[in-house]
Structures are given as C-alpha cells and as structure tokens.
Amino acid sequence: MDVTVDLTMCPDCRSIAEVLDRFVLESTHGPVEHARIRCIAGHWFLLPAASLTSPPLPRSAGRRQPAPGA
C-alpha cells in the first residue's frame, strides 16, 4: 500500500505542515478549493488551496558537499 503525504509550509511559523484534508467551498465567485493543514508546531489552518506553498526540498543524501577550502 502506497501512502502519500501532502506537505506545505505553515503560514504562521514557516515550519513543515501536513495537508489533512482538501474540499471545495462555495463563494460569490464560484467554488474555491480549500485545505485544512497542521504544522509540526501545532498550528491549524483552513485556507484556500491556492495559497499553499511547497516545502523546501531536502538535500540529496547522495550529493557530497565540497570540502572546506576546495
């Protein structure tokens, strides 16, 4: 079984946050996709999905850092 975790950034503390749920809410301009998120610091938000930001990619474990002075 494949499990995919949808990650974003917390709009308050910029920590990594998990998207717990996505759904559509009606507005005067038509339907808007929203997301419920929770960050590792414990903040919870309900916000438009268009405002989600991608977390930074982790450094590749296989990539070597240059030696000091190289």
C-alpha atoms as a PDB file:
ATOM      1  CA  MET A   1       0.000   0.000   0.000  1.00  0.00           C
ATOM      2  CA  ASP A   2       1.434   3.375  -1.055  1.00  0.00           C
ATOM      3  CA  VAL A   3       0.944   6.247   1.357  1.00  0.00           C
ATOM      4  CA  THR A   4       1.458   9.774   0.060  1.00  0.00           C
ATOM      5  CA  VAL A   5       1.768  12.691   2.456  1.00  0.00           C
ATOM      6  CA  ASP A   6       0.859  16.127   1.100  1.00  0.00           C
ATOM      7  CA  LEU A   7       3.190  18.722   2.662  1.00  0.00           C
ATOM      8  CA  THR A   8       3.155  22.515   2.654  1.00  0.00           C
ATOM      9  CA  MET A   9       4.566  25.358   4.746  1.00  0.00           C
ATOM     10  CA  CYS A  10       2.832  26.822   7.799  1.00  0.00           C
ATOM     11  CA  PRO A  11       1.758  30.410   7.008  1.00  0.00           C
ATOM     12  CA  ASP A  12       2.496  31.416  10.622  1.00  0.00           C
ATOM     13  CA  CYS A  13       5.861  29.880  11.574  1.00  0.00           C
ATOM     14  CA  ARG A  14       7.098  28.554   8.182  1.00  0.00           C
ATOM     15  CA  SER A  15       7.522  25.025   9.604  1.00  0.00           C
ATOM     16  CA  ILE A  16       6.541  21.990   7.559  1.00  0.00           C
ATOM     17  CA  ALA A  17       2.805  21.311   7.683  1.00  0.00           C
ATOM     18  CA  GLU A  18       0.691  18.375   6.557  1.00  0.00           C
ATOM     19  CA  VAL A  19      -2.398  18.878   4.400  1.00  0.00           C
ATOM     20  CA  LEU A  20      -5.005  16.887   6.306  1.00  0.00           C
ATOM     21  CA  ASP A  21      -8.000  17.490   4.059  1.00  0.00           C
ATOM     22  CA  ARG A  22      -8.966  19.206   0.788  1.00  0.00           C
ATOM     23  CA  PHE A  23     -12.508  20.236  -0.120  1.00  0.00           C
ATOM     24  CA  VAL A  24     -14.448  22.806  -2.119  1.00  0.00           C
ATOM     25  CA  LEU A  25     -16.430  25.656  -0.555  1.00  0.00           C
ATOM     26  CA  GLU A  26     -18.833  27.851  -2.498  1.00  0.00           C
ATOM     27  CA  SER A  27     -18.160  31.581  -2.770  1.00  0.00           C
ATOM     28  CA  THR A  28     -19.783  34.526  -4.536  1.00  0.00           C
ATOM     29  CA  HIS A  29     -17.252  33.999  -7.362  1.00  0.00           C
ATOM     30  CA  GLY A  30     -17.804  30.245  -7.642  1.00  0.00           C
ATOM     31  CA  PRO A  31     -16.313  27.174  -5.948  1.00  0.00           C
ATOM     32  CA  VAL A  32     -12.924  27.535  -4.215  1.00  0.00           C
ATOM     33  CA  GLU A  33     -10.740  24.585  -3.171  1.00  0.00           C
ATOM     34  CA  HIS A  34      -9.655  24.807   0.479  1.00  0.00           C
ATOM     35  CA  ALA A  35      -7.235  22.819   2.613  1.00  0.00           C
ATOM     36  CA  ARG A  36      -7.047  22.059   6.323  1.00  0.00           C
ATOM     37  CA  ILE A  37      -3.412  21.940   7.489  1.00  0.00           C
ATOM     38  CA  ARG A  38      -1.493  21.296  10.724  1.00  0.00           C
ATOM     39  CA  CYS A  39       2.170  22.162  11.229  1.00  0.00           C
ATOM     40  CA  ILE A  40       4.743  20.440  13.425  1.00  0.00           C
ATOM     41  CA  ALA A  41       4.499  23.368  15.889  1.00  0.00           C
ATOM     42  CA  GLY A  42       0.787  22.625  16.385  1.00  0.00           C
ATOM     43  CA  HIS A  43      -0.797  25.441  14.357  1.00  0.00           C
ATOM     44  CA  TRP A  44      -4.024  24.600  12.480  1.00  0.00           C
ATOM     45  CA  PHE A  45      -5.351  26.496   9.459  1.00  0.00           C
ATOM     46  CA  LEU A  46      -8.196  26.340   6.968  1.00  0.00           C
ATOM     47  CA  LEU A  47      -7.165  28.255   3.864  1.00  0.00           C
ATOM     48  CA  PRO A  48      -7.605  28.395   0.091  1.00  0.00           C
ATOM     49  CA  ALA A  49      -5.542  25.656  -1.562  1.00  0.00           C
ATOM     50  CA  ALA A  50      -4.107  28.247  -3.974  1.00  0.00           C
ATOM     51  CA  SER A  51      -2.210  29.795  -1.040  1.00  0.00           C
ATOM     52  CA  LEU A  52      -0.337  26.584  -0.157  1.00  0.00           C
ATOM     53  CA  THR A  53       3.424  26.728  -0.669  1.00  0.00           C
ATOM     54  CA  SER A  54       5.770  23.838  -1.307  1.00  0.00           C
ATOM     55  CA  PRO A  55       8.235  22.988   1.450  1.00  0.00           C
ATOM     56  CA  PRO A  56      11.933  23.197   0.547  1.00  0.00           C
ATOM     57  CA  LEU A  57      13.365  20.000  -0.876  1.00  0.00           C
ATOM     58  CA  PRO A  58      15.726  18.108   1.445  1.00  0.00           C
ATOM     59  CA  ARG A  59      19.357  17.924   0.444  1.00  0.00           C
ATOM     60  CA  SER A  60      20.107  14.805  -1.518  1.00  0.00           C
ATOM     61  CA  ALA A  61      21.767  12.223   0.710  1.00  0.00           C
ATOM     62  CA  GLY A  62      23.955  11.201  -2.224  1.00  0.00           C
ATOM     63  CA  ARG A  63      25.183  14.700  -3.009  1.00  0.00           C
ATOM     64  CA  ARG A  64      28.550  15.482  -1.475  1.00  0.00           C
ATOM     65  CA  GLN A  65      29.350  18.875  -0.054  1.00  0.00           C
ATOM     66  CA  PRO A  66      32.653  20.435  -1.199  1.00  0.00           C
ATOM     67  CA  ALA A  67      35.498  20.166   1.266  1.00  0.00           C
ATOM     68  CA  PRO A  68      36.385  23.415   3.115  1.00  0.00           C
ATOM     69  CA  GLY A  69      38.844  25.434   1.072  1.00  0.00           C
ATOM     70  CA  ALA A  70      38.105  23.459  -2.129  1.00  0.00           C
END
